[in-house]
N, C-alpha and C. Protein backbone atom coordinates (compact mmCIF):
# COMPACT_ATOMS: atom_id res chain seq x y z
N GLU A 1 0.79 -1.22 0.05
CA GLU A 1 -0.01 -0.02 -0.02
C GLU A 1 0.82 1.29 -0.03
N ARG A 2 2.16 1.18 0.36
CA ARG A 2 2.91 2.39 0.40
C ARG A 2 3.60 2.63 -0.92
N GLY A 3 3.41 1.67 -1.95
CA GLY A 3 3.98 1.91 -3.17
C GLY A 3 5.46 1.60 -3.27
N THR A 4 5.98 0.88 -2.37
CA THR A 4 7.41 0.52 -2.43
C THR A 4 7.58 -0.70 -3.25
N ARG A 5 8.43 -0.63 -4.29
CA ARG A 5 8.53 -1.80 -5.12
C ARG A 5 9.51 -2.86 -4.45
N PRO A 6 9.22 -4.05 -4.63
CA PRO A 6 10.11 -5.17 -3.95
C PRO A 6 11.65 -4.98 -4.27
N GLU A 7 11.92 -4.61 -5.55
CA GLU A 7 13.28 -4.43 -5.85
C GLU A 7 14.00 -3.23 -5.27
N ASN A 8 13.18 -2.54 -4.53
CA ASN A 8 13.75 -1.32 -3.65
C ASN A 8 13.82 -1.63 -2.20
N ILE A 9 13.54 -2.95 -1.89
CA ILE A 9 13.62 -3.39 -0.50
C ILE A 9 14.83 -4.29 -0.26
N THR A 10 15.54 -3.99 0.83
CA THR A 10 16.62 -4.99 1.28
C THR A 10 16.22 -5.46 2.59
N LEU A 11 16.22 -6.80 2.73
CA LEU A 11 15.91 -7.39 3.99
C LEU A 11 17.15 -7.28 4.94
N VAL A 12 16.97 -7.16 6.16
CA VAL A 12 18.01 -7.09 7.18
C VAL A 12 17.60 -8.08 8.25
N GLY A 13 18.61 -9.07 8.53
CA GLY A 13 18.31 -10.03 9.57
C GLY A 13 19.52 -10.01 10.60
N VAL A 14 19.09 -10.27 11.83
CA VAL A 14 20.16 -10.41 12.89
C VAL A 14 19.97 -11.77 13.55
N SER A 15 21.08 -12.54 13.51
CA SER A 15 21.09 -13.85 14.21
C SER A 15 19.98 -14.70 13.60
N SER A 16 19.01 -15.15 14.35
CA SER A 16 17.97 -16.02 13.81
C SER A 16 17.14 -15.33 12.84
N GLY A 17 17.02 -13.95 12.99
CA GLY A 17 16.24 -13.19 11.94
C GLY A 17 16.92 -13.27 10.60
N SER A 18 18.15 -13.51 10.53
CA SER A 18 18.84 -13.75 9.26
C SER A 18 18.34 -15.05 8.72
N GLY A 19 18.18 -16.16 9.53
CA GLY A 19 17.64 -17.35 9.09
C GLY A 19 16.23 -17.10 8.55
N LEU A 20 15.39 -16.34 9.15
CA LEU A 20 14.08 -16.05 8.65
C LEU A 20 14.10 -15.31 7.27
N ALA A 21 15.11 -14.37 7.14
CA ALA A 21 15.26 -13.61 5.93
C ALA A 21 15.55 -14.60 4.80
N VAL A 22 16.52 -15.60 5.04
CA VAL A 22 16.91 -16.52 4.05
C VAL A 22 15.80 -17.41 3.73
N LEU A 23 15.06 -17.86 4.78
CA LEU A 23 13.80 -18.74 4.47
C LEU A 23 12.80 -18.01 3.59
N LEU A 24 12.60 -16.75 3.80
CA LEU A 24 11.64 -15.91 3.05
C LEU A 24 12.15 -15.84 1.57
N LEU A 25 13.48 -15.53 1.42
CA LEU A 25 13.95 -15.54 0.02
C LEU A 25 13.95 -16.80 -0.68
N GLN A 26 14.20 -17.94 0.06
CA GLN A 26 14.06 -19.28 -0.53
C GLN A 26 12.64 -19.59 -0.85
N ALA A 27 11.65 -19.20 -0.10
CA ALA A 27 10.25 -19.34 -0.44
C ALA A 27 9.86 -18.47 -1.70
N LEU A 28 10.32 -17.30 -1.76
CA LEU A 28 10.03 -16.53 -2.99
C LEU A 28 10.63 -17.05 -4.21
N ALA A 29 11.87 -17.52 -4.10
CA ALA A 29 12.56 -18.15 -5.23
C ALA A 29 11.87 -19.43 -5.62
N ARG A 30 11.42 -20.26 -4.72
CA ARG A 30 10.68 -21.48 -5.12
C ARG A 30 9.38 -21.08 -5.69
N ALA A 31 8.65 -20.09 -5.26
CA ALA A 31 7.41 -19.64 -5.88
C ALA A 31 7.68 -19.09 -7.26
N ARG A 32 8.69 -18.38 -7.48
CA ARG A 32 9.05 -17.85 -8.81
C ARG A 32 9.36 -18.93 -9.71
N ARG A 33 10.01 -20.01 -9.29
CA ARG A 33 10.34 -21.13 -10.21
C ARG A 33 9.07 -21.85 -10.63
N GLU A 34 8.12 -22.03 -9.63
CA GLU A 34 6.82 -22.64 -9.93
C GLU A 34 6.06 -21.80 -10.82
N PHE A 35 6.00 -20.49 -10.65
CA PHE A 35 5.32 -19.54 -11.56
C PHE A 35 5.90 -19.63 -12.93
N GLU A 36 7.19 -19.65 -13.09
CA GLU A 36 7.81 -19.79 -14.41
C GLU A 36 7.53 -21.13 -15.08
N ARG A 37 7.45 -22.25 -14.33
CA ARG A 37 7.20 -23.50 -14.87
C ARG A 37 5.64 -23.48 -15.39
N ARG A 38 4.79 -22.92 -14.70
CA ARG A 38 3.41 -22.81 -15.01
C ARG A 38 3.29 -22.07 -16.32
N GLU A 39 3.97 -20.97 -16.28
CA GLU A 39 3.97 -20.12 -17.51
C GLU A 39 4.45 -20.74 -18.79
N GLU A 40 5.50 -21.62 -18.59
CA GLU A 40 5.90 -22.43 -19.69
C GLU A 40 5.12 -23.65 -20.06
N GLY A 41 4.14 -23.92 -19.13
CA GLY A 41 3.25 -25.04 -19.36
C GLY A 41 3.88 -26.40 -18.97
N ALA A 42 4.98 -26.39 -18.33
CA ALA A 42 5.70 -27.59 -17.81
C ALA A 42 4.97 -28.23 -16.71
N VAL A 43 4.39 -27.44 -15.86
CA VAL A 43 3.66 -27.97 -14.63
C VAL A 43 2.25 -27.44 -14.66
N ASP A 44 1.23 -28.25 -14.90
CA ASP A 44 -0.08 -27.90 -14.85
C ASP A 44 -0.98 -29.07 -14.41
N ASP A 45 -0.89 -29.45 -13.19
CA ASP A 45 -1.69 -30.56 -12.63
C ASP A 45 -2.98 -30.13 -12.03
N GLY A 46 -3.43 -28.94 -12.31
CA GLY A 46 -4.66 -28.42 -11.82
C GLY A 46 -4.70 -28.02 -10.26
N ARG A 47 -3.58 -28.28 -9.53
CA ARG A 47 -3.54 -27.91 -8.20
C ARG A 47 -2.94 -26.51 -7.94
N ASP A 48 -3.46 -25.92 -6.96
CA ASP A 48 -2.92 -24.55 -6.61
C ASP A 48 -1.90 -24.90 -5.48
N ASP A 49 -0.51 -24.73 -5.81
CA ASP A 49 0.49 -25.08 -4.81
C ASP A 49 0.69 -23.86 -3.88
N GLY A 50 -0.06 -22.80 -3.96
CA GLY A 50 0.05 -21.71 -3.02
C GLY A 50 1.41 -21.05 -3.28
N GLY A 51 2.00 -21.05 -4.44
CA GLY A 51 3.35 -20.48 -4.67
C GLY A 51 3.39 -19.04 -4.42
N GLY A 52 2.40 -18.26 -4.72
CA GLY A 52 2.29 -16.96 -4.29
C GLY A 52 3.26 -15.95 -5.04
N ALA A 53 3.83 -16.39 -6.10
CA ALA A 53 4.75 -15.45 -6.83
C ALA A 53 3.90 -14.66 -7.85
N ASP A 54 2.67 -14.87 -7.99
CA ASP A 54 1.74 -14.14 -8.87
C ASP A 54 1.09 -13.04 -8.01
N ASP A 55 1.19 -11.86 -8.56
CA ASP A 55 0.64 -10.69 -7.69
C ASP A 55 -0.82 -10.44 -7.93
N GLY A 56 -1.43 -11.39 -8.59
CA GLY A 56 -2.89 -11.36 -8.84
C GLY A 56 -3.16 -10.71 -10.24
N SER A 57 -2.17 -10.18 -10.90
CA SER A 57 -2.30 -9.62 -12.22
C SER A 57 -1.79 -10.56 -13.31
N GLY A 58 -1.25 -11.72 -12.84
CA GLY A 58 -0.63 -12.67 -13.84
C GLY A 58 0.82 -12.33 -13.98
N ARG A 59 1.36 -11.36 -13.27
CA ARG A 59 2.81 -11.05 -13.39
C ARG A 59 3.55 -11.70 -12.23
N CYS A 60 4.80 -12.03 -12.45
CA CYS A 60 5.61 -12.53 -11.41
C CYS A 60 6.18 -11.46 -10.49
N VAL A 61 5.97 -11.54 -9.24
CA VAL A 61 6.43 -10.50 -8.31
C VAL A 61 7.93 -10.54 -8.21
N PRO A 62 8.61 -9.40 -8.38
CA PRO A 62 10.08 -9.26 -8.30
C PRO A 62 10.60 -9.65 -6.93
N MET A 63 11.83 -10.15 -6.81
CA MET A 63 12.53 -10.37 -5.66
C MET A 63 12.95 -9.07 -4.94
N PRO A 64 13.23 -9.08 -3.61
CA PRO A 64 13.89 -7.94 -2.98
C PRO A 64 15.25 -7.69 -3.60
N ALA A 65 15.79 -6.55 -3.34
CA ALA A 65 17.09 -6.26 -3.88
C ALA A 65 18.21 -7.08 -3.30
N GLY A 66 17.94 -7.60 -2.03
CA GLY A 66 18.87 -8.50 -1.48
C GLY A 66 18.66 -8.63 -0.01
N ALA A 67 19.69 -9.12 0.79
CA ALA A 67 19.55 -9.26 2.15
C ALA A 67 20.91 -9.03 2.91
N VAL A 68 20.82 -8.38 3.97
CA VAL A 68 21.99 -8.24 4.82
C VAL A 68 21.78 -9.19 6.02
N LEU A 69 22.75 -10.04 6.35
CA LEU A 69 22.63 -11.07 7.23
C LEU A 69 23.76 -10.89 8.30
N MET A 70 23.40 -10.43 9.52
CA MET A 70 24.34 -10.22 10.59
C MET A 70 24.40 -11.44 11.52
N GLY A 71 25.60 -12.07 11.58
CA GLY A 71 25.75 -13.18 12.41
C GLY A 71 24.63 -14.20 12.22
N PRO A 72 24.46 -14.72 10.96
CA PRO A 72 23.29 -15.49 10.62
C PRO A 72 23.32 -16.91 11.34
N PHE A 73 22.35 -17.08 12.06
CA PHE A 73 22.02 -18.48 12.66
C PHE A 73 21.10 -19.16 11.70
N VAL A 74 21.72 -20.09 10.97
CA VAL A 74 20.95 -20.69 9.83
C VAL A 74 21.16 -22.28 9.82
N ASP A 75 21.76 -22.91 10.80
CA ASP A 75 21.92 -24.35 10.87
C ASP A 75 21.31 -24.79 12.13
N TYR A 76 20.16 -25.49 12.05
CA TYR A 76 19.43 -26.03 13.24
C TYR A 76 19.69 -27.46 13.49
N THR A 77 20.66 -28.05 12.88
CA THR A 77 21.07 -29.41 13.11
C THR A 77 21.94 -29.56 14.36
N GLU A 78 22.46 -30.65 14.73
CA GLU A 78 23.22 -30.86 15.92
C GLU A 78 24.46 -29.90 15.83
N PRO A 79 24.65 -29.13 16.92
CA PRO A 79 25.68 -28.13 16.91
C PRO A 79 27.10 -28.81 16.74
N ARG A 80 27.90 -28.10 16.03
CA ARG A 80 29.34 -28.55 15.76
C ARG A 80 30.16 -27.38 15.44
N GLY A 81 31.55 -27.59 15.35
CA GLY A 81 32.46 -26.55 14.96
C GLY A 81 32.33 -25.33 15.93
N THR A 82 32.22 -24.15 15.34
CA THR A 82 32.26 -22.97 16.10
C THR A 82 31.04 -22.80 17.01
N MET A 83 30.03 -23.41 16.67
CA MET A 83 28.85 -23.35 17.53
C MET A 83 29.01 -24.04 18.90
N ARG A 84 29.83 -25.13 18.85
CA ARG A 84 30.20 -25.86 20.11
C ARG A 84 31.40 -25.18 20.86
N GLU A 85 32.41 -24.88 20.02
CA GLU A 85 33.72 -24.50 20.59
C GLU A 85 33.75 -23.07 21.07
N TYR A 86 33.01 -22.14 20.46
CA TYR A 86 33.02 -20.75 20.84
C TYR A 86 32.15 -20.26 21.95
N ILE A 87 31.21 -21.18 22.39
CA ILE A 87 30.35 -20.65 23.45
C ILE A 87 31.06 -20.35 24.71
N ARG A 88 32.27 -20.82 24.94
CA ARG A 88 32.94 -20.51 26.16
C ARG A 88 33.46 -19.16 26.20
N HIS A 89 33.55 -18.39 25.00
CA HIS A 89 34.08 -17.09 24.99
C HIS A 89 33.21 -16.03 24.25
N ASP A 90 32.10 -16.47 23.72
CA ASP A 90 31.18 -15.58 23.08
C ASP A 90 30.32 -14.86 24.13
N LEU A 91 30.31 -13.64 24.18
CA LEU A 91 29.57 -12.86 25.16
C LEU A 91 28.07 -12.93 25.01
N ILE A 92 27.63 -13.22 23.88
CA ILE A 92 26.19 -13.23 23.57
C ILE A 92 25.58 -14.69 23.68
N VAL A 93 26.14 -15.52 22.87
CA VAL A 93 25.71 -16.91 22.89
C VAL A 93 26.70 -17.72 23.73
N ASN A 94 26.33 -17.69 25.03
CA ASN A 94 27.30 -18.39 25.99
C ASN A 94 26.65 -19.79 26.38
N GLN A 95 27.21 -20.43 27.37
CA GLN A 95 26.77 -21.74 27.70
C GLN A 95 25.29 -21.76 28.14
N ALA A 96 24.84 -20.76 28.94
CA ALA A 96 23.42 -20.71 29.32
C ALA A 96 22.50 -20.64 28.12
N VAL A 97 22.80 -19.77 27.18
CA VAL A 97 21.96 -19.61 26.00
C VAL A 97 22.01 -20.92 25.22
N TYR A 98 23.10 -21.53 25.09
CA TYR A 98 23.27 -22.81 24.41
C TYR A 98 22.41 -23.87 25.01
N ASP A 99 22.45 -23.92 26.37
CA ASP A 99 21.81 -25.02 27.07
C ASP A 99 20.23 -24.82 27.01
N GLU A 100 19.75 -23.56 26.84
CA GLU A 100 18.32 -23.34 26.66
C GLU A 100 17.90 -23.49 25.19
N GLY A 101 18.66 -23.03 24.28
CA GLY A 101 18.34 -22.93 22.90
C GLY A 101 18.39 -24.20 22.14
N ILE A 102 19.42 -24.98 22.31
CA ILE A 102 19.57 -26.27 21.60
C ILE A 102 18.43 -27.28 21.90
N PRO A 103 18.12 -27.51 23.17
CA PRO A 103 16.96 -28.35 23.36
C PRO A 103 15.63 -27.87 22.86
N TYR A 104 15.52 -26.57 22.79
CA TYR A 104 14.27 -25.96 22.18
C TYR A 104 14.11 -26.30 20.76
N LEU A 105 15.24 -26.23 19.99
CA LEU A 105 15.26 -26.56 18.57
C LEU A 105 14.91 -28.03 18.38
N GLU A 106 15.35 -28.90 19.29
CA GLU A 106 15.05 -30.34 19.15
C GLU A 106 13.53 -30.55 19.53
N THR A 107 13.00 -29.76 20.51
CA THR A 107 11.59 -29.99 20.78
C THR A 107 10.62 -29.44 19.68
N VAL A 108 11.03 -28.32 19.11
CA VAL A 108 10.18 -27.73 18.04
C VAL A 108 10.33 -28.36 16.77
N LEU A 109 11.57 -28.67 16.35
CA LEU A 109 11.80 -29.14 15.05
C LEU A 109 11.88 -30.70 14.94
N GLY A 110 12.19 -31.38 16.02
CA GLY A 110 12.13 -32.79 15.99
C GLY A 110 13.41 -33.44 15.56
N SER A 111 13.24 -34.39 14.72
CA SER A 111 14.41 -35.32 14.32
C SER A 111 15.48 -34.59 13.54
N HIS A 112 16.64 -35.12 13.40
CA HIS A 112 17.75 -34.61 12.69
C HIS A 112 17.31 -34.22 11.24
N GLU A 113 16.59 -35.16 10.54
CA GLU A 113 16.10 -34.91 9.22
C GLU A 113 15.25 -33.71 9.10
N ASP A 114 14.35 -33.59 10.11
CA ASP A 114 13.40 -32.36 10.11
C ASP A 114 14.25 -31.09 10.40
N ARG A 115 15.21 -31.18 11.19
CA ARG A 115 16.01 -30.04 11.51
C ARG A 115 16.90 -29.63 10.30
N LEU A 116 17.31 -30.60 9.62
CA LEU A 116 18.16 -30.37 8.38
C LEU A 116 17.22 -29.71 7.32
N ARG A 117 16.02 -30.17 7.15
CA ARG A 117 15.11 -29.46 6.16
C ARG A 117 14.73 -28.10 6.59
N ALA A 118 14.65 -27.80 7.90
CA ALA A 118 14.26 -26.50 8.41
C ALA A 118 15.45 -25.51 8.29
N SER A 119 16.70 -25.99 8.19
CA SER A 119 17.88 -25.09 8.22
C SER A 119 18.06 -24.44 6.91
N PRO A 120 18.04 -23.07 7.00
CA PRO A 120 18.21 -22.24 5.70
C PRO A 120 19.49 -22.54 5.00
N CYS A 121 20.55 -22.89 5.75
CA CYS A 121 21.89 -23.04 5.08
C CYS A 121 21.89 -24.33 4.19
N TYR A 122 20.98 -25.27 4.44
CA TYR A 122 20.84 -26.51 3.61
C TYR A 122 19.72 -26.34 2.54
N GLY A 123 18.99 -25.27 2.53
CA GLY A 123 17.92 -25.10 1.54
C GLY A 123 18.46 -24.78 0.18
N ASN A 124 17.51 -24.73 -0.76
CA ASN A 124 17.88 -24.40 -2.19
C ASN A 124 18.24 -22.89 -2.27
N MET A 125 19.46 -22.66 -2.80
CA MET A 125 19.87 -21.18 -2.90
C MET A 125 19.69 -20.63 -4.24
N GLU A 126 19.24 -21.48 -5.18
CA GLU A 126 18.99 -21.05 -6.57
C GLU A 126 18.06 -19.97 -6.71
N GLY A 127 18.41 -18.93 -7.33
CA GLY A 127 17.47 -17.79 -7.62
C GLY A 127 17.44 -16.77 -6.61
N LEU A 128 18.34 -16.86 -5.47
CA LEU A 128 18.30 -15.86 -4.47
C LEU A 128 18.95 -14.54 -4.95
N PRO A 129 18.44 -13.47 -4.40
CA PRO A 129 19.07 -12.16 -4.72
C PRO A 129 20.41 -11.99 -3.97
N PRO A 130 21.12 -10.96 -4.25
CA PRO A 130 22.47 -10.76 -3.56
C PRO A 130 22.39 -10.88 -2.04
N LEU A 131 23.37 -11.30 -1.39
CA LEU A 131 23.49 -11.47 0.04
C LEU A 131 24.79 -10.77 0.56
N CYS A 132 24.61 -10.11 1.71
CA CYS A 132 25.77 -9.58 2.40
C CYS A 132 25.83 -10.25 3.77
N VAL A 133 26.78 -10.98 3.93
CA VAL A 133 26.99 -11.75 5.16
C VAL A 133 27.99 -11.11 6.01
N CYS A 134 27.75 -10.64 7.24
CA CYS A 134 28.66 -10.03 8.25
C CYS A 134 28.72 -10.84 9.49
N VAL A 135 30.07 -11.26 9.70
CA VAL A 135 30.19 -12.15 10.85
C VAL A 135 31.57 -12.04 11.43
N SER A 136 31.71 -12.38 12.72
CA SER A 136 33.02 -12.49 13.35
C SER A 136 33.64 -13.82 13.23
N GLU A 137 34.97 -13.92 12.91
CA GLU A 137 35.61 -15.14 12.76
C GLU A 137 35.65 -15.85 14.17
N HIS A 138 35.25 -15.18 15.22
CA HIS A 138 35.37 -15.76 16.57
C HIS A 138 33.97 -15.93 17.20
N GLU A 139 32.90 -15.76 16.50
CA GLU A 139 31.55 -15.94 17.09
C GLU A 139 31.02 -17.45 16.67
N VAL A 140 30.02 -17.71 17.49
CA VAL A 140 29.51 -19.14 17.49
C VAL A 140 28.98 -19.47 16.08
N VAL A 141 28.45 -18.48 15.35
CA VAL A 141 27.76 -18.91 14.05
C VAL A 141 28.74 -18.79 12.82
N TYR A 142 30.03 -18.58 13.16
CA TYR A 142 30.96 -18.35 12.04
C TYR A 142 30.86 -19.51 10.90
N ASP A 143 30.95 -20.72 11.42
CA ASP A 143 31.07 -21.87 10.53
C ASP A 143 29.66 -21.95 9.59
N GLN A 144 28.59 -21.73 10.26
CA GLN A 144 27.41 -21.77 9.45
C GLN A 144 27.21 -20.62 8.54
N ALA A 145 27.60 -19.44 8.95
CA ALA A 145 27.55 -18.27 8.11
C ALA A 145 28.44 -18.53 6.93
N MET A 146 29.64 -19.12 7.03
CA MET A 146 30.46 -19.43 5.94
C MET A 146 29.94 -20.47 4.98
N LEU A 147 29.24 -21.43 5.64
CA LEU A 147 28.62 -22.46 4.87
C LEU A 147 27.47 -21.89 4.01
N LEU A 148 26.71 -21.03 4.60
CA LEU A 148 25.61 -20.46 3.86
C LEU A 148 26.13 -19.71 2.68
N ALA A 149 27.17 -18.85 2.88
CA ALA A 149 27.84 -18.01 1.83
C ALA A 149 28.41 -18.98 0.74
N ARG A 150 29.08 -20.03 1.12
CA ARG A 150 29.64 -20.90 0.10
C ARG A 150 28.54 -21.58 -0.75
N ARG A 151 27.56 -22.09 -0.10
CA ARG A 151 26.43 -22.84 -0.76
C ARG A 151 25.70 -21.85 -1.70
N ALA A 152 25.48 -20.62 -1.23
CA ALA A 152 24.86 -19.63 -2.09
C ALA A 152 25.73 -19.29 -3.33
N LYS A 153 26.99 -19.11 -3.13
CA LYS A 153 27.97 -18.77 -4.26
C LYS A 153 27.90 -19.96 -5.18
N GLU A 154 27.94 -21.20 -4.78
CA GLU A 154 27.94 -22.29 -5.74
C GLU A 154 26.67 -22.36 -6.57
N LYS A 155 25.63 -21.76 -6.13
CA LYS A 155 24.36 -21.69 -7.01
C LYS A 155 24.28 -20.36 -7.73
N GLY A 156 25.46 -19.59 -7.82
CA GLY A 156 25.49 -18.39 -8.61
C GLY A 156 24.91 -17.16 -7.92
N VAL A 157 24.67 -17.16 -6.64
CA VAL A 157 24.17 -16.03 -5.87
C VAL A 157 25.41 -14.98 -5.75
N ASP A 158 25.21 -13.82 -5.88
CA ASP A 158 26.14 -12.69 -5.58
C ASP A 158 26.31 -12.57 -4.11
N VAL A 159 27.40 -13.00 -3.49
CA VAL A 159 27.52 -13.04 -2.04
C VAL A 159 28.71 -12.08 -1.69
N THR A 160 28.58 -11.23 -0.78
CA THR A 160 29.66 -10.40 -0.25
C THR A 160 29.70 -10.80 1.20
N VAL A 161 31.03 -11.11 1.68
CA VAL A 161 31.21 -11.45 3.02
C VAL A 161 32.18 -10.60 3.71
N GLY A 162 31.70 -10.02 4.92
CA GLY A 162 32.56 -9.21 5.73
C GLY A 162 32.96 -9.93 6.95
N VAL A 163 34.26 -10.13 7.34
CA VAL A 163 34.56 -10.93 8.45
C VAL A 163 35.46 -10.05 9.36
N TRP A 164 35.17 -10.04 10.64
CA TRP A 164 35.95 -9.35 11.59
C TRP A 164 36.50 -10.36 12.63
N LYS A 165 37.54 -9.94 13.32
CA LYS A 165 38.16 -10.80 14.26
C LYS A 165 37.77 -10.45 15.73
N TYR A 166 37.81 -11.46 16.58
CA TYR A 166 37.69 -11.27 17.98
C TYR A 166 36.35 -10.53 18.43
N MET A 167 35.37 -10.66 17.76
CA MET A 167 34.13 -10.04 18.15
C MET A 167 33.06 -11.12 18.59
N CYS A 168 32.08 -10.74 19.36
CA CYS A 168 31.04 -11.60 19.83
C CYS A 168 29.92 -11.63 18.80
N HIS A 169 29.01 -12.61 18.98
CA HIS A 169 27.90 -12.73 18.16
C HIS A 169 27.10 -11.40 18.03
N VAL A 170 26.72 -11.04 16.82
CA VAL A 170 25.98 -9.83 16.50
C VAL A 170 26.59 -8.56 17.01
N PHE A 171 27.95 -8.52 16.91
CA PHE A 171 28.68 -7.35 17.36
C PHE A 171 28.29 -6.15 16.59
N GLN A 172 27.67 -6.26 15.40
CA GLN A 172 27.33 -5.09 14.64
C GLN A 172 26.31 -4.20 15.32
N LEU A 173 25.57 -4.77 16.24
CA LEU A 173 24.55 -3.93 17.03
C LEU A 173 25.32 -3.08 18.11
N LEU A 174 26.60 -3.31 18.28
CA LEU A 174 27.39 -2.54 19.24
C LEU A 174 28.03 -1.33 18.54
N CYS A 175 27.55 -0.98 17.33
CA CYS A 175 28.21 0.06 16.51
C CYS A 175 28.38 1.44 17.29
N PRO A 176 27.49 1.74 18.17
CA PRO A 176 27.68 3.09 18.84
C PRO A 176 28.85 2.92 19.90
N PHE A 177 29.30 1.73 20.24
CA PHE A 177 30.26 1.56 21.38
C PHE A 177 31.59 1.03 20.99
N ILE A 178 31.71 0.32 19.88
CA ILE A 178 33.07 -0.17 19.50
C ILE A 178 33.28 0.05 18.02
N PRO A 179 34.62 0.34 17.71
CA PRO A 179 34.96 0.64 16.34
C PRO A 179 34.56 -0.40 15.36
N GLU A 180 34.73 -1.66 15.76
CA GLU A 180 34.53 -2.81 14.78
C GLU A 180 33.00 -2.86 14.38
N GLY A 181 32.18 -2.49 15.38
CA GLY A 181 30.75 -2.46 15.16
C GLY A 181 30.43 -1.39 14.21
N GLU A 182 30.91 -0.21 14.41
CA GLU A 182 30.82 0.96 13.49
C GLU A 182 31.22 0.61 12.07
N GLU A 183 32.42 0.05 12.04
CA GLU A 183 33.00 -0.36 10.73
C GLU A 183 32.11 -1.27 10.01
N SER A 184 31.61 -2.30 10.71
CA SER A 184 30.79 -3.34 9.98
C SER A 184 29.39 -2.73 9.58
N PHE A 185 28.98 -1.75 10.43
CA PHE A 185 27.65 -1.10 10.10
C PHE A 185 27.89 -0.32 8.79
N GLU A 186 28.92 0.34 8.74
CA GLU A 186 29.20 1.14 7.47
C GLU A 186 29.40 0.24 6.26
N PHE A 187 30.10 -0.94 6.48
CA PHE A 187 30.22 -1.91 5.42
C PHE A 187 28.84 -2.36 4.88
N MET A 188 27.92 -2.59 5.79
CA MET A 188 26.61 -3.01 5.38
C MET A 188 25.80 -1.96 4.63
N CYS A 189 25.92 -0.66 5.25
CA CYS A 189 25.24 0.47 4.58
C CYS A 189 25.74 0.68 3.20
N GLU A 190 27.06 0.63 3.09
CA GLU A 190 27.63 0.78 1.68
C GLU A 190 27.18 -0.31 0.72
N TRP A 191 27.11 -1.48 1.20
CA TRP A 191 26.55 -2.61 0.36
C TRP A 191 25.14 -2.36 -0.11
N ILE A 192 24.38 -1.88 0.81
CA ILE A 192 22.99 -1.53 0.47
C ILE A 192 22.93 -0.36 -0.53
N ARG A 193 23.75 0.69 -0.34
CA ARG A 193 23.74 1.88 -1.24
C ARG A 193 24.11 1.38 -2.64
N ARG A 194 24.95 0.40 -2.79
CA ARG A 194 25.37 0.01 -4.18
C ARG A 194 24.31 -0.81 -4.78
N ARG A 195 23.32 -1.25 -4.19
CA ARG A 195 22.27 -2.06 -4.81
C ARG A 195 21.49 -1.18 -5.75
């Protein structure tokens, strides 16, 4: 209703919000592929798959310009790598957060297979718009952020990665207080301006 076109929108996600942003983009890309297949006549089984890429006028809705992902929490499978190793020194995702959060994922998402399917980093990256991934090399989600970036690049997605050292999870939000936060914030803003 505000008249903002999707291609003028950049999604911004923080931690698990980055996971939601990626899931939204994956759903839009999936819907666009279904729309294009229907347009080509390749898929017409008479069912409405709820793809939602049609804006009601018969046109395919454009993707957002891209997404900025700060410390993306995108792997909901059994924790490993930096997610297990760095909880002892990450100021934000520490042992207490880990002890509460991981069982919650198991309760809500269930089996390993279900958690794998729910994890944005293992979803289909084909057709996603450009991504800007900002992460600390020393935060708990470093491995999964890099996995997401690598898998997206493998599918031809334009991915820009900014990596800082010795920072905690979502340090970007500390931009008023620490120079690295301010630097990362400017990095993200510049990426958005270039879109």
